N, C-alpha and C. Protein backbone atom coordinates (compact mmCIF):
# COMPACT_ATOMS: atom_id res chain seq x y z
N MET A 1 12.74 -9.23 -47.61
CA MET A 1 13.53 -9.15 -46.39
C MET A 1 12.75 -9.71 -45.21
N LYS A 2 11.44 -9.44 -45.18
CA LYS A 2 10.64 -9.94 -44.07
C LYS A 2 10.64 -11.46 -44.03
N ASN A 3 10.58 -12.13 -45.21
CA ASN A 3 10.62 -13.59 -45.24
C ASN A 3 11.94 -14.12 -44.69
N LYS A 4 13.06 -13.44 -45.01
CA LYS A 4 14.36 -13.86 -44.50
C LYS A 4 14.40 -13.72 -42.98
N GLN A 5 13.86 -12.61 -42.45
CA GLN A 5 13.83 -12.41 -41.01
C GLN A 5 12.94 -13.46 -40.34
N THR A 6 11.81 -13.79 -40.95
CA THR A 6 10.93 -14.82 -40.41
C THR A 6 11.64 -16.16 -40.41
N SER A 7 12.40 -16.46 -41.48
CA SER A 7 13.16 -17.71 -41.54
C SER A 7 14.20 -17.77 -40.43
N TYR A 8 14.91 -16.65 -40.20
CA TYR A 8 15.90 -16.60 -39.12
C TYR A 8 15.23 -16.89 -37.79
N ALA A 9 14.12 -16.21 -37.54
CA ALA A 9 13.44 -16.35 -36.25
C ALA A 9 12.93 -17.77 -36.06
N LEU A 10 12.34 -18.37 -37.10
CA LEU A 10 11.84 -19.73 -37.01
C LEU A 10 12.98 -20.71 -36.75
N PHE A 11 14.07 -20.59 -37.51
CA PHE A 11 15.20 -21.50 -37.32
C PHE A 11 15.78 -21.32 -35.92
N ALA A 12 15.96 -20.07 -35.50
CA ALA A 12 16.51 -19.81 -34.16
C ALA A 12 15.61 -20.41 -33.08
N GLY A 13 14.31 -20.29 -33.24
CA GLY A 13 13.37 -20.85 -32.26
C GLY A 13 13.48 -22.36 -32.18
N ILE A 14 13.59 -23.01 -33.32
CA ILE A 14 13.74 -24.47 -33.34
C ILE A 14 15.04 -24.87 -32.66
N ILE A 15 16.13 -24.20 -33.01
CA ILE A 15 17.43 -24.52 -32.42
C ILE A 15 17.41 -24.26 -30.92
N LEU A 16 16.85 -23.15 -30.50
CA LEU A 16 16.82 -22.83 -29.07
C LEU A 16 16.02 -23.86 -28.29
N GLY A 17 14.93 -24.33 -28.86
CA GLY A 17 14.16 -25.37 -28.20
C GLY A 17 14.97 -26.63 -28.01
N ALA A 18 15.74 -26.98 -29.03
CA ALA A 18 16.60 -28.16 -28.93
C ALA A 18 17.71 -27.96 -27.90
N VAL A 19 18.30 -26.77 -27.91
CA VAL A 19 19.41 -26.49 -26.99
C VAL A 19 18.93 -26.46 -25.55
N ALA A 20 17.72 -26.05 -25.32
CA ALA A 20 17.21 -25.96 -23.95
C ALA A 20 17.27 -27.30 -23.24
N SER A 21 17.22 -28.39 -23.99
CA SER A 21 17.27 -29.70 -23.37
C SER A 21 18.58 -30.43 -23.63
N MET A 22 19.60 -29.71 -24.13
CA MET A 22 20.85 -30.34 -24.53
C MET A 22 21.92 -30.36 -23.47
N SER A 23 22.74 -31.36 -23.52
CA SER A 23 24.08 -31.41 -22.95
C SER A 23 24.91 -32.15 -23.98
N PHE A 24 25.89 -32.92 -23.58
CA PHE A 24 26.78 -33.44 -24.60
C PHE A 24 27.27 -34.84 -24.32
N TYR A 25 27.41 -35.62 -25.42
CA TYR A 25 27.89 -36.99 -25.33
C TYR A 25 29.28 -37.03 -24.70
N PRO A 26 29.54 -37.97 -23.79
CA PRO A 26 30.89 -38.10 -23.24
C PRO A 26 31.91 -38.42 -24.33
N SER A 27 31.50 -39.14 -25.37
CA SER A 27 32.45 -39.50 -26.43
C SER A 27 32.92 -38.30 -27.22
N LEU A 28 32.28 -37.15 -27.06
CA LEU A 28 32.70 -35.96 -27.78
C LEU A 28 33.67 -35.11 -26.97
N LEU A 29 33.98 -35.50 -25.75
CA LEU A 29 34.81 -34.68 -24.88
C LEU A 29 36.16 -34.35 -25.49
N HIS A 30 36.68 -35.20 -26.35
CA HIS A 30 38.01 -34.96 -26.89
C HIS A 30 37.96 -34.38 -28.29
N ALA A 31 36.81 -33.97 -28.77
CA ALA A 31 36.69 -33.36 -30.09
C ALA A 31 36.69 -31.85 -29.96
N GLN A 32 37.67 -31.33 -29.23
CA GLN A 32 37.72 -29.90 -28.99
C GLN A 32 38.27 -29.18 -30.20
N GLU A 33 37.82 -27.93 -30.34
CA GLU A 33 38.29 -27.10 -31.43
C GLU A 33 38.53 -25.71 -30.88
N GLY A 34 39.62 -25.11 -31.25
CA GLY A 34 39.91 -23.76 -30.83
C GLY A 34 40.63 -23.75 -29.49
N SER A 35 41.38 -22.68 -29.25
CA SER A 35 42.07 -22.53 -27.98
C SER A 35 42.40 -21.07 -27.80
N THR A 36 42.89 -20.73 -26.64
CA THR A 36 43.28 -19.35 -26.39
C THR A 36 44.59 -19.02 -27.08
N SER A 37 45.32 -20.01 -27.60
CA SER A 37 46.61 -19.77 -28.23
C SER A 37 46.47 -19.19 -29.63
N GLY A 38 45.31 -19.35 -30.28
CA GLY A 38 45.12 -18.85 -31.63
C GLY A 38 45.67 -19.79 -32.69
N ALA A 39 46.20 -20.93 -32.30
CA ALA A 39 46.75 -21.88 -33.26
C ALA A 39 45.63 -22.50 -34.08
N ALA A 40 45.98 -22.89 -35.29
CA ALA A 40 44.99 -23.53 -36.15
C ALA A 40 44.58 -24.86 -35.53
N PRO A 41 43.28 -25.20 -35.59
CA PRO A 41 42.84 -26.46 -35.02
C PRO A 41 43.41 -27.64 -35.80
N ALA A 42 43.75 -28.70 -35.08
CA ALA A 42 44.24 -29.92 -35.72
C ALA A 42 43.08 -30.63 -36.39
N LYS A 43 43.39 -31.44 -37.41
CA LYS A 43 42.34 -32.24 -38.05
C LYS A 43 41.93 -33.33 -37.08
N ARG A 44 40.62 -33.52 -36.92
CA ARG A 44 40.12 -34.53 -36.00
C ARG A 44 38.73 -34.95 -36.43
N ASN A 45 38.27 -36.06 -35.87
CA ASN A 45 36.92 -36.52 -36.13
C ASN A 45 35.95 -35.70 -35.30
N LEU A 46 35.21 -34.82 -35.92
CA LEU A 46 34.22 -34.02 -35.23
C LEU A 46 32.85 -34.60 -35.52
N ALA A 47 32.01 -34.59 -34.53
CA ALA A 47 30.70 -35.21 -34.65
C ALA A 47 29.83 -34.49 -35.67
N MET A 48 29.27 -35.25 -36.55
CA MET A 48 28.32 -34.71 -37.52
C MET A 48 26.91 -34.86 -36.95
N SER A 49 26.07 -33.89 -37.23
CA SER A 49 24.68 -33.97 -36.78
C SER A 49 24.01 -35.17 -37.42
N PRO A 50 23.23 -35.92 -36.64
CA PRO A 50 22.51 -37.05 -37.23
C PRO A 50 21.46 -36.54 -38.21
N THR A 51 21.19 -37.32 -39.23
CA THR A 51 20.17 -36.93 -40.21
C THR A 51 18.96 -37.85 -40.16
N ASP A 52 19.05 -38.92 -39.38
CA ASP A 52 17.98 -39.89 -39.34
C ASP A 52 17.36 -40.08 -37.96
N LYS A 53 17.82 -39.27 -36.98
CA LYS A 53 17.29 -39.40 -35.62
C LYS A 53 17.63 -38.13 -34.84
N ALA A 54 17.00 -37.99 -33.71
CA ALA A 54 17.27 -36.84 -32.84
C ALA A 54 18.55 -37.12 -32.05
N ALA A 55 19.17 -36.06 -31.57
CA ALA A 55 20.35 -36.20 -30.72
C ALA A 55 20.00 -35.69 -29.33
N TYR A 56 20.36 -36.43 -28.33
CA TYR A 56 20.09 -36.05 -26.94
C TYR A 56 21.42 -35.96 -26.21
N PHE A 57 21.56 -34.94 -25.38
CA PHE A 57 22.77 -34.73 -24.60
C PHE A 57 22.35 -34.47 -23.16
N SER A 58 22.89 -35.23 -22.20
CA SER A 58 22.46 -35.07 -20.81
C SER A 58 23.13 -33.87 -20.14
N HIS A 59 22.46 -33.32 -19.16
CA HIS A 59 22.99 -32.19 -18.40
C HIS A 59 24.29 -32.56 -17.70
N GLY A 60 24.37 -33.77 -17.17
CA GLY A 60 25.58 -34.23 -16.49
C GLY A 60 26.78 -34.26 -17.43
N ASP A 61 26.58 -34.73 -18.66
CA ASP A 61 27.66 -34.73 -19.64
C ASP A 61 28.09 -33.31 -19.99
N MET A 62 27.13 -32.41 -20.09
CA MET A 62 27.46 -31.02 -20.38
C MET A 62 28.33 -30.42 -19.29
N GLU A 63 27.99 -30.69 -18.04
CA GLU A 63 28.78 -30.18 -16.92
C GLU A 63 30.22 -30.70 -16.98
N THR A 64 30.39 -31.95 -17.38
CA THR A 64 31.73 -32.51 -17.53
C THR A 64 32.51 -31.74 -18.59
N VAL A 65 31.87 -31.42 -19.71
CA VAL A 65 32.54 -30.66 -20.76
C VAL A 65 32.93 -29.27 -20.27
N TRP A 66 32.01 -28.57 -19.58
CA TRP A 66 32.32 -27.23 -19.06
C TRP A 66 33.56 -27.31 -18.16
N LYS A 67 33.60 -28.29 -17.26
CA LYS A 67 34.72 -28.42 -16.33
C LYS A 67 36.03 -28.69 -17.08
N GLU A 68 35.97 -29.53 -18.11
CA GLU A 68 37.17 -29.81 -18.89
C GLU A 68 37.65 -28.56 -19.61
N LEU A 69 36.75 -27.80 -20.19
CA LEU A 69 37.13 -26.57 -20.88
C LEU A 69 37.81 -25.60 -19.92
N GLU A 70 37.23 -25.45 -18.73
CA GLU A 70 37.80 -24.54 -17.75
C GLU A 70 39.17 -25.03 -17.27
N ALA A 71 39.31 -26.33 -17.04
CA ALA A 71 40.58 -26.88 -16.55
C ALA A 71 41.69 -26.76 -17.58
N THR A 72 41.36 -26.91 -18.86
CA THR A 72 42.36 -26.85 -19.92
C THR A 72 42.47 -25.45 -20.54
N GLN A 73 41.69 -24.50 -20.03
CA GLN A 73 41.69 -23.13 -20.57
C GLN A 73 41.38 -23.11 -22.06
N THR A 74 40.47 -24.00 -22.46
CA THR A 74 40.01 -24.06 -23.84
C THR A 74 38.69 -23.31 -23.92
N ASN A 75 38.52 -22.52 -24.97
CA ASN A 75 37.31 -21.70 -25.02
C ASN A 75 36.21 -22.23 -25.91
N ASN A 76 36.47 -23.32 -26.65
CA ASN A 76 35.50 -23.73 -27.64
C ASN A 76 35.46 -25.25 -27.75
N HIS A 77 34.26 -25.80 -27.78
CA HIS A 77 34.08 -27.24 -27.96
C HIS A 77 32.94 -27.45 -28.95
N ARG A 78 33.27 -28.02 -30.09
CA ARG A 78 32.25 -28.29 -31.10
C ARG A 78 31.49 -29.54 -30.69
N ILE A 79 30.19 -29.42 -30.56
CA ILE A 79 29.36 -30.56 -30.19
C ILE A 79 28.98 -31.37 -31.42
N LEU A 80 28.43 -30.71 -32.41
CA LEU A 80 28.10 -31.36 -33.65
C LEU A 80 27.84 -30.32 -34.71
N GLY A 81 27.77 -30.77 -35.94
CA GLY A 81 27.54 -29.84 -37.04
C GLY A 81 27.22 -30.57 -38.31
N GLY A 82 26.90 -29.80 -39.31
CA GLY A 82 26.57 -30.34 -40.62
C GLY A 82 27.05 -29.39 -41.69
N GLN A 83 26.50 -29.52 -42.89
CA GLN A 83 26.92 -28.69 -44.00
C GLN A 83 26.61 -27.21 -43.79
N ASN A 84 25.57 -26.91 -43.02
CA ASN A 84 25.17 -25.50 -42.88
C ASN A 84 24.93 -25.06 -41.44
N HIS A 85 25.46 -25.80 -40.47
CA HIS A 85 25.25 -25.43 -39.07
C HIS A 85 26.31 -26.07 -38.18
N VAL A 86 26.47 -25.50 -37.00
CA VAL A 86 27.38 -26.05 -36.01
C VAL A 86 26.87 -25.63 -34.63
N VAL A 87 27.09 -26.50 -33.64
CA VAL A 87 26.70 -26.20 -32.26
C VAL A 87 27.96 -26.31 -31.40
N TYR A 88 28.23 -25.26 -30.63
CA TYR A 88 29.40 -25.19 -29.77
C TYR A 88 29.00 -24.94 -28.33
N ILE A 89 29.90 -25.30 -27.42
CA ILE A 89 29.92 -24.74 -26.06
C ILE A 89 31.01 -23.69 -26.13
N ARG A 90 30.74 -22.49 -25.62
CA ARG A 90 31.73 -21.41 -25.70
C ARG A 90 31.98 -20.79 -24.35
N ILE A 91 33.25 -20.58 -24.05
CA ILE A 91 33.67 -19.76 -22.92
C ILE A 91 34.48 -18.64 -23.56
N VAL A 92 33.91 -17.45 -23.65
CA VAL A 92 34.59 -16.33 -24.29
C VAL A 92 35.60 -15.75 -23.30
N LYS A 93 36.83 -15.60 -23.75
CA LYS A 93 37.92 -15.11 -22.91
C LYS A 93 38.18 -13.63 -23.19
N PRO A 94 38.68 -12.91 -22.19
CA PRO A 94 39.10 -11.53 -22.45
C PRO A 94 40.14 -11.52 -23.57
N GLY A 95 40.05 -10.55 -24.44
CA GLY A 95 41.00 -10.45 -25.54
C GLY A 95 40.56 -11.18 -26.80
N SER A 96 39.44 -11.91 -26.75
CA SER A 96 38.94 -12.55 -27.96
C SER A 96 38.55 -11.43 -28.94
N PRO A 97 38.98 -11.55 -30.21
CA PRO A 97 38.72 -10.45 -31.14
C PRO A 97 37.25 -10.38 -31.56
N PRO A 98 36.79 -9.17 -31.86
CA PRO A 98 35.45 -9.06 -32.44
C PRO A 98 35.44 -9.72 -33.81
N ILE A 99 34.28 -10.17 -34.24
CA ILE A 99 34.18 -10.97 -35.46
C ILE A 99 32.91 -10.62 -36.23
N VAL A 100 32.96 -10.88 -37.53
CA VAL A 100 31.81 -10.76 -38.43
C VAL A 100 31.79 -12.02 -39.27
N HIS A 101 30.61 -12.59 -39.47
CA HIS A 101 30.44 -13.73 -40.37
C HIS A 101 29.66 -13.23 -41.59
N THR A 102 30.21 -13.43 -42.78
CA THR A 102 29.51 -12.96 -43.98
C THR A 102 28.29 -13.82 -44.30
N ALA A 103 28.34 -15.10 -43.96
CA ALA A 103 27.23 -15.99 -44.27
C ALA A 103 26.56 -16.60 -43.05
N GLY A 104 27.21 -16.54 -41.89
CA GLY A 104 26.68 -17.22 -40.71
C GLY A 104 25.92 -16.30 -39.78
N ALA A 105 24.85 -16.83 -39.24
CA ALA A 105 24.10 -16.15 -38.17
C ALA A 105 24.41 -16.90 -36.88
N ASP A 106 24.52 -16.16 -35.79
CA ASP A 106 24.79 -16.74 -34.47
C ASP A 106 23.58 -16.62 -33.58
N VAL A 107 23.34 -17.67 -32.80
CA VAL A 107 22.39 -17.62 -31.70
C VAL A 107 23.18 -18.01 -30.46
N TRP A 108 23.29 -17.07 -29.52
CA TRP A 108 24.01 -17.29 -28.26
C TRP A 108 22.98 -17.47 -27.16
N VAL A 109 23.11 -18.54 -26.38
CA VAL A 109 22.25 -18.80 -25.23
C VAL A 109 23.16 -18.84 -24.01
N VAL A 110 23.00 -17.85 -23.13
CA VAL A 110 23.89 -17.75 -21.97
C VAL A 110 23.49 -18.80 -20.94
N GLU A 111 24.47 -19.62 -20.56
CA GLU A 111 24.27 -20.69 -19.59
C GLU A 111 24.57 -20.22 -18.17
N ALA A 112 25.64 -19.41 -18.02
CA ALA A 112 26.06 -18.97 -16.68
C ALA A 112 26.86 -17.69 -16.79
N GLY A 113 26.97 -16.98 -15.68
CA GLY A 113 27.79 -15.78 -15.60
C GLY A 113 27.18 -14.61 -16.34
N SER A 114 28.05 -13.67 -16.70
CA SER A 114 27.60 -12.48 -17.40
C SER A 114 28.70 -11.95 -18.32
N ALA A 115 28.29 -11.12 -19.26
CA ALA A 115 29.19 -10.44 -20.17
C ALA A 115 28.41 -9.29 -20.80
N VAL A 116 29.14 -8.34 -21.33
CA VAL A 116 28.51 -7.27 -22.10
C VAL A 116 28.71 -7.60 -23.58
N ALA A 117 27.61 -7.81 -24.30
CA ALA A 117 27.67 -8.05 -25.74
C ALA A 117 27.79 -6.70 -26.43
N VAL A 118 28.74 -6.60 -27.35
CA VAL A 118 28.89 -5.40 -28.18
C VAL A 118 28.55 -5.83 -29.60
N THR A 119 27.52 -5.24 -30.18
CA THR A 119 27.06 -5.65 -31.51
C THR A 119 26.83 -4.43 -32.39
N GLY A 120 26.90 -4.65 -33.69
CA GLY A 120 26.66 -3.58 -34.64
C GLY A 120 27.89 -2.71 -34.81
N GLY A 121 27.70 -1.52 -35.31
CA GLY A 121 28.82 -0.62 -35.52
C GLY A 121 29.71 -1.10 -36.65
N THR A 122 30.98 -0.72 -36.56
CA THR A 122 31.96 -1.01 -37.61
C THR A 122 33.13 -1.77 -37.02
N LEU A 123 33.54 -2.82 -37.68
CA LEU A 123 34.71 -3.59 -37.28
C LEU A 123 35.96 -2.79 -37.64
N VAL A 124 36.83 -2.53 -36.66
CA VAL A 124 38.06 -1.76 -36.86
C VAL A 124 39.20 -2.72 -37.25
N ASN A 125 39.97 -2.36 -38.26
CA ASN A 125 41.10 -3.16 -38.76
C ASN A 125 40.67 -4.57 -39.16
N PRO A 126 39.67 -4.72 -40.04
CA PRO A 126 39.21 -6.06 -40.41
C PRO A 126 40.25 -6.82 -41.22
N LYS A 127 40.31 -8.14 -40.96
CA LYS A 127 41.18 -9.04 -41.72
C LYS A 127 40.60 -10.44 -41.63
N PRO A 128 40.89 -11.29 -42.62
CA PRO A 128 40.39 -12.67 -42.56
C PRO A 128 40.87 -13.36 -41.28
N ALA A 129 40.01 -14.15 -40.69
CA ALA A 129 40.35 -14.87 -39.46
C ALA A 129 41.41 -15.92 -39.75
N VAL A 130 42.44 -15.97 -38.89
CA VAL A 130 43.51 -16.96 -39.00
C VAL A 130 43.35 -17.93 -37.85
N GLY A 131 43.55 -19.23 -38.11
CA GLY A 131 43.45 -20.22 -37.05
C GLY A 131 42.03 -20.69 -36.83
N LYS A 132 41.10 -20.26 -37.66
CA LYS A 132 39.73 -20.73 -37.56
C LYS A 132 39.61 -22.06 -38.29
N ASP A 133 38.50 -22.70 -38.13
CA ASP A 133 38.24 -23.97 -38.81
C ASP A 133 38.42 -23.78 -40.31
N PRO A 134 39.37 -24.47 -40.94
CA PRO A 134 39.60 -24.29 -42.38
C PRO A 134 38.41 -24.72 -43.23
N ASN A 135 37.50 -25.49 -42.66
CA ASN A 135 36.32 -25.93 -43.41
C ASN A 135 35.11 -25.03 -43.18
N SER A 136 35.31 -23.93 -42.48
CA SER A 136 34.19 -23.05 -42.16
C SER A 136 33.56 -22.48 -43.42
N ILE A 137 32.24 -22.48 -43.45
CA ILE A 137 31.50 -21.91 -44.58
C ILE A 137 30.96 -20.53 -44.24
N PHE A 138 31.31 -20.01 -43.06
CA PHE A 138 30.65 -18.81 -42.57
C PHE A 138 31.36 -17.51 -42.93
N GLY A 139 32.57 -17.55 -43.48
CA GLY A 139 33.25 -16.35 -43.93
C GLY A 139 33.63 -15.41 -42.80
N ASP A 140 34.53 -15.84 -41.91
CA ASP A 140 34.87 -15.06 -40.73
C ASP A 140 35.89 -13.97 -41.02
N THR A 141 35.63 -12.78 -40.48
CA THR A 141 36.54 -11.65 -40.50
C THR A 141 36.66 -11.16 -39.07
N VAL A 142 37.89 -10.92 -38.60
CA VAL A 142 38.11 -10.41 -37.25
C VAL A 142 38.67 -9.00 -37.32
N GLY A 143 38.60 -8.31 -36.20
CA GLY A 143 39.14 -6.96 -36.11
C GLY A 143 39.75 -6.73 -34.75
N THR A 144 40.19 -5.49 -34.51
CA THR A 144 40.80 -5.16 -33.22
C THR A 144 39.78 -4.59 -32.24
N SER A 145 38.68 -4.05 -32.76
CA SER A 145 37.62 -3.50 -31.90
C SER A 145 36.39 -3.22 -32.75
N ILE A 146 35.34 -2.80 -32.07
CA ILE A 146 34.11 -2.39 -32.74
C ILE A 146 33.89 -0.91 -32.43
N GLU A 147 33.69 -0.12 -33.46
CA GLU A 147 33.43 1.30 -33.29
C GLU A 147 31.94 1.56 -33.49
N GLY A 148 31.33 2.23 -32.50
CA GLY A 148 29.92 2.60 -32.63
C GLY A 148 28.94 1.47 -32.39
N GLY A 149 29.37 0.41 -31.70
CA GLY A 149 28.48 -0.71 -31.42
C GLY A 149 27.53 -0.42 -30.27
N THR A 150 26.54 -1.28 -30.10
CA THR A 150 25.58 -1.20 -29.00
C THR A 150 25.97 -2.19 -27.93
N GLU A 151 25.95 -1.77 -26.67
CA GLU A 151 26.29 -2.66 -25.56
C GLU A 151 25.03 -3.16 -24.87
N GLN A 152 25.03 -4.46 -24.52
CA GLN A 152 23.90 -5.07 -23.84
C GLN A 152 24.43 -6.07 -22.83
N LEU A 153 24.08 -5.90 -21.55
CA LEU A 153 24.47 -6.86 -20.52
C LEU A 153 23.73 -8.17 -20.77
N MET A 154 24.47 -9.27 -20.76
CA MET A 154 23.91 -10.61 -20.95
C MET A 154 24.16 -11.41 -19.69
N THR A 155 23.11 -12.08 -19.17
CA THR A 155 23.23 -12.94 -18.00
C THR A 155 22.56 -14.28 -18.28
N ALA A 156 22.73 -15.23 -17.38
CA ALA A 156 22.19 -16.58 -17.57
C ALA A 156 20.73 -16.54 -17.99
N GLY A 157 20.43 -17.28 -19.05
CA GLY A 157 19.07 -17.36 -19.58
C GLY A 157 18.82 -16.40 -20.74
N ASP A 158 19.70 -15.41 -20.94
CA ASP A 158 19.52 -14.46 -22.04
C ASP A 158 19.92 -15.09 -23.37
N ILE A 159 19.33 -14.58 -24.45
CA ILE A 159 19.58 -15.07 -25.80
C ILE A 159 19.96 -13.88 -26.68
N LEU A 160 20.97 -14.07 -27.52
CA LEU A 160 21.41 -13.04 -28.46
C LEU A 160 21.41 -13.64 -29.86
N PHE A 161 20.76 -12.96 -30.79
CA PHE A 161 20.76 -13.37 -32.20
C PHE A 161 21.58 -12.34 -32.96
N VAL A 162 22.58 -12.81 -33.73
CA VAL A 162 23.43 -11.93 -34.53
C VAL A 162 23.35 -12.38 -35.99
N PRO A 163 22.73 -11.57 -36.86
CA PRO A 163 22.64 -11.94 -38.28
C PRO A 163 23.97 -11.78 -39.00
N PRO A 164 24.11 -12.36 -40.20
CA PRO A 164 25.34 -12.20 -40.97
C PRO A 164 25.65 -10.71 -41.19
N GLY A 165 26.95 -10.40 -41.20
CA GLY A 165 27.37 -9.04 -41.48
C GLY A 165 27.39 -8.10 -40.29
N VAL A 166 26.98 -8.57 -39.10
CA VAL A 166 26.94 -7.71 -37.92
C VAL A 166 28.14 -8.03 -37.03
N PRO A 167 29.01 -7.03 -36.80
CA PRO A 167 30.13 -7.25 -35.88
C PRO A 167 29.63 -7.58 -34.48
N HIS A 168 30.35 -8.44 -33.77
CA HIS A 168 29.96 -8.78 -32.41
C HIS A 168 31.15 -9.26 -31.59
N ASN A 169 31.06 -9.04 -30.29
CA ASN A 169 32.09 -9.44 -29.35
C ASN A 169 31.50 -9.35 -27.95
N PHE A 170 32.24 -9.89 -26.99
CA PHE A 170 31.83 -9.82 -25.59
C PHE A 170 32.94 -9.17 -24.78
N GLU A 171 32.56 -8.38 -23.80
CA GLU A 171 33.50 -7.72 -22.90
C GLU A 171 33.03 -7.92 -21.47
N LYS A 172 33.91 -7.63 -20.51
CA LYS A 172 33.59 -7.65 -19.08
C LYS A 172 32.96 -8.98 -18.66
N MET A 173 33.60 -10.08 -19.09
CA MET A 173 33.09 -11.41 -18.76
C MET A 173 33.33 -11.75 -17.29
N LYS A 174 32.32 -12.35 -16.69
CA LYS A 174 32.42 -12.84 -15.31
C LYS A 174 31.79 -14.23 -15.29
N GLY A 175 32.62 -15.27 -15.39
CA GLY A 175 32.11 -16.64 -15.39
C GLY A 175 31.19 -16.92 -16.57
N PHE A 176 31.40 -16.24 -17.69
CA PHE A 176 30.51 -16.33 -18.85
C PHE A 176 30.65 -17.68 -19.56
N ARG A 177 29.54 -18.39 -19.68
CA ARG A 177 29.43 -19.65 -20.43
C ARG A 177 28.23 -19.52 -21.35
N ALA A 178 28.36 -20.01 -22.58
CA ALA A 178 27.23 -19.92 -23.50
C ALA A 178 27.24 -21.08 -24.48
N TYR A 179 26.06 -21.39 -24.97
CA TYR A 179 25.90 -22.28 -26.13
C TYR A 179 25.92 -21.36 -27.33
N LEU A 180 26.57 -21.78 -28.39
CA LEU A 180 26.60 -21.02 -29.64
C LEU A 180 26.11 -21.92 -30.74
N ILE A 181 25.05 -21.48 -31.40
CA ILE A 181 24.52 -22.18 -32.57
C ILE A 181 24.76 -21.26 -33.76
N ARG A 182 25.54 -21.73 -34.72
CA ARG A 182 25.82 -20.92 -35.92
C ARG A 182 25.26 -21.67 -37.12
N PHE A 183 24.58 -20.94 -37.99
CA PHE A 183 24.01 -21.58 -39.17
C PHE A 183 24.14 -20.66 -40.37
N ASP A 184 24.18 -21.27 -41.55
CA ASP A 184 24.29 -20.54 -42.80
C ASP A 184 22.97 -19.83 -43.06
N ALA A 185 23.01 -18.51 -43.11
CA ALA A 185 21.78 -17.74 -43.27
C ALA A 185 21.73 -17.01 -44.60
N LYS A 186 22.65 -17.30 -45.49
CA LYS A 186 22.66 -16.63 -46.80
C LYS A 186 22.02 -17.49 -47.85
């Protein structure tokens, strides 16, 4: 178990270092995924992570994406991903259901605003996620609430790591913006 935890921490550290200098390609602005409507995402060309070079995203491009998400009331923008990972810009909206990933671990890096993270406990009324990416390898289950979870105020610069199997959600959002890095941890 200790080796698995060390692997999580090492991977999260590498990803966080990369995210600290990230923004996003302008050409990815229209590769949005997810919405507040809960509708299934349309099939589209989503950027795959490069395997032969580093990817750089400017701060200015990132700001453009944040503004577009806010203007269109879209909560999720996939930046890039691969067979076992994905990087998103996330604006969590009130009413977003709590979730558990059976295989995915989340690293949340708060960019702006605040929210109360609710983690752990038991997912109430669990059911398979509908309208999620049909190609997801992370095994998403959503619920109506979390019973017995721990609350933690999150503000700009804070980082939250959520391992597979741990229910999580955000409440009391005030201008909350975050980077979300999800990777296969099983």
